[in-house]
């Protein structure tokens, strides 16, 4: 059934496999970056909530 949905490929394209591998690595790296930024944001938000409010007149 998968062949019917995706099409039957008899030719193996090494360039396509390399590009797919490169994109998967890039996605993984970006996901790790997002996790780090979210952790930094959470830490900054916690620090800000502990500081007394400043008069902003």
C-alpha atoms as a PDB file:
ATOM      1  CA  UNK A   1       0.000   0.000   0.000  1.00  0.00           C
ATOM      2  CA  UNK A   2       2.865   2.378   0.717  1.00  0.00           C
ATOM      3  CA  UNK A   3       4.116   1.939  -2.832  1.00  0.00           C
ATOM      4  CA  UNK A   4       0.683   2.900  -4.103  1.00  0.00           C
ATOM      5  CA  UNK A   5       0.696   6.072  -2.009  1.00  0.00           C
ATOM      6  CA  UNK A   6       4.286   7.110  -2.612  1.00  0.00           C
ATOM      7  CA  UNK A   7       4.860   5.627  -6.034  1.00  0.00           C
ATOM      8  CA  UNK A   8       7.201   2.828  -6.974  1.00  0.00           C
ATOM      9  CA  UNK A   9      10.788   3.993  -7.447  1.00  0.00           C
ATOM     10  CA  UNK A  10      13.216   1.692  -9.165  1.00  0.00           C
ATOM     11  CA  UNK A  11      16.034   4.219  -9.433  1.00  0.00           C
ATOM     12  CA  UNK A  12      18.003   5.008  -6.300  1.00  0.00           C
ATOM     13  CA  UNK A  13      19.019   8.651  -6.213  1.00  0.00           C
ATOM     14  CA  UNK A  14      22.024   9.076  -3.925  1.00  0.00           C
ATOM     15  CA  UNK A  15      21.727  12.863  -4.090  1.00  0.00           C
ATOM     16  CA  UNK A  16      18.202  12.650  -2.735  1.00  0.00           C
ATOM     17  CA  UNK A  17      19.342  10.357   0.087  1.00  0.00           C
ATOM     18  CA  UNK A  18      22.189  12.738   0.975  1.00  0.00           C
ATOM     19  CA  UNK A  19      19.881  15.746   0.938  1.00  0.00           C
ATOM     20  CA  UNK A  20      17.361  13.932   3.137  1.00  0.00           C
ATOM     21  CA  UNK A  21      20.094  13.010   5.621  1.00  0.00           C
ATOM     22  CA  UNK A  22      21.390  16.603   5.628  1.00  0.00           C
ATOM     23  CA  UNK A  23      17.900  17.997   6.223  1.00  0.00           C
ATOM     24  CA  UNK A  24      17.246  15.551   9.066  1.00  0.00           C
ATOM     25  CA  UNK A  25      20.473  16.667  10.748  1.00  0.00           C
ATOM     26  CA  UNK A  26      19.504  20.320  10.242  1.00  0.00           C
ATOM     27  CA  UNK A  27      16.057  19.726  11.757  1.00  0.00           C
ATOM     28  CA  UNK A  28      17.619  17.940  14.739  1.00  0.00           C
ATOM     29  CA  UNK A  29      20.057  20.839  15.256  1.00  0.00           C
ATOM     30  CA  UNK A  30      17.245  23.395  15.053  1.00  0.00           C
ATOM     31  CA  UNK A  31      15.140  21.408  17.542  1.00  0.00           C
ATOM     32  CA  UNK A  32      18.075  21.411  19.973  1.00  0.00           C
ATOM     33  CA  UNK A  33      18.502  25.156  19.469  1.00  0.00           C
ATOM     34  CA  UNK A  34      14.818  25.727  20.200  1.00  0.00           C
ATOM     35  CA  UNK A  35      15.051  23.657  23.386  1.00  0.00           C
ATOM     36  CA  UNK A  36      18.018  25.729  24.541  1.00  0.00           C
ATOM     37  CA  UNK A  37      16.278  29.012  23.753  1.00  0.00           C
ATOM     38  CA  UNK A  38      13.140  27.877  25.572  1.00  0.00           C
ATOM     39  CA  UNK A  39      15.223  26.944  28.624  1.00  0.00           C
ATOM     40  CA  UNK A  40      16.941  30.354  28.525  1.00  0.00           C
ATOM     41  CA  UNK A  41      13.584  32.085  28.186  1.00  0.00           C
ATOM     42  CA  UNK A  42      12.128  30.147  31.118  1.00  0.00           C
ATOM     43  CA  UNK A  43      15.178  30.982  33.247  1.00  0.00           C
ATOM     44  CA  UNK A  44      14.940  34.687  32.369  1.00  0.00           C
ATOM     45  CA  UNK A  45      11.208  34.710  33.088  1.00  0.00           C
ATOM     46  CA  UNK A  46      11.842  33.139  36.508  1.00  0.00           C
ATOM     47  CA  UNK A  47      14.599  35.657  37.281  1.00  0.00           C
ATOM     48  CA  UNK A  48      12.361  38.540  36.259  1.00  0.00           C
ATOM     49  CA  UNK A  49       9.512  37.355  38.465  1.00  0.00           C
ATOM     50  CA  UNK A  50      11.842  37.298  41.484  1.00  0.00           C
ATOM     51  CA  UNK A  51      12.980  40.902  41.013  1.00  0.00           C
ATOM     52  CA  UNK A  52      10.905  43.592  42.682  1.00  0.00           C
ATOM     53  CA  UNK A  53       8.872  45.664  40.196  1.00  0.00           C
ATOM     54  CA  UNK A  54      10.518  48.919  39.156  1.00  0.00           C
ATOM     55  CA  UNK A  55       8.555  52.183  39.005  1.00  0.00           C
ATOM     56  CA  UNK A  56       8.307  52.977  35.298  1.00  0.00           C
ATOM     57  CA  UNK A  57       7.209  56.605  35.418  1.00  0.00           C
END
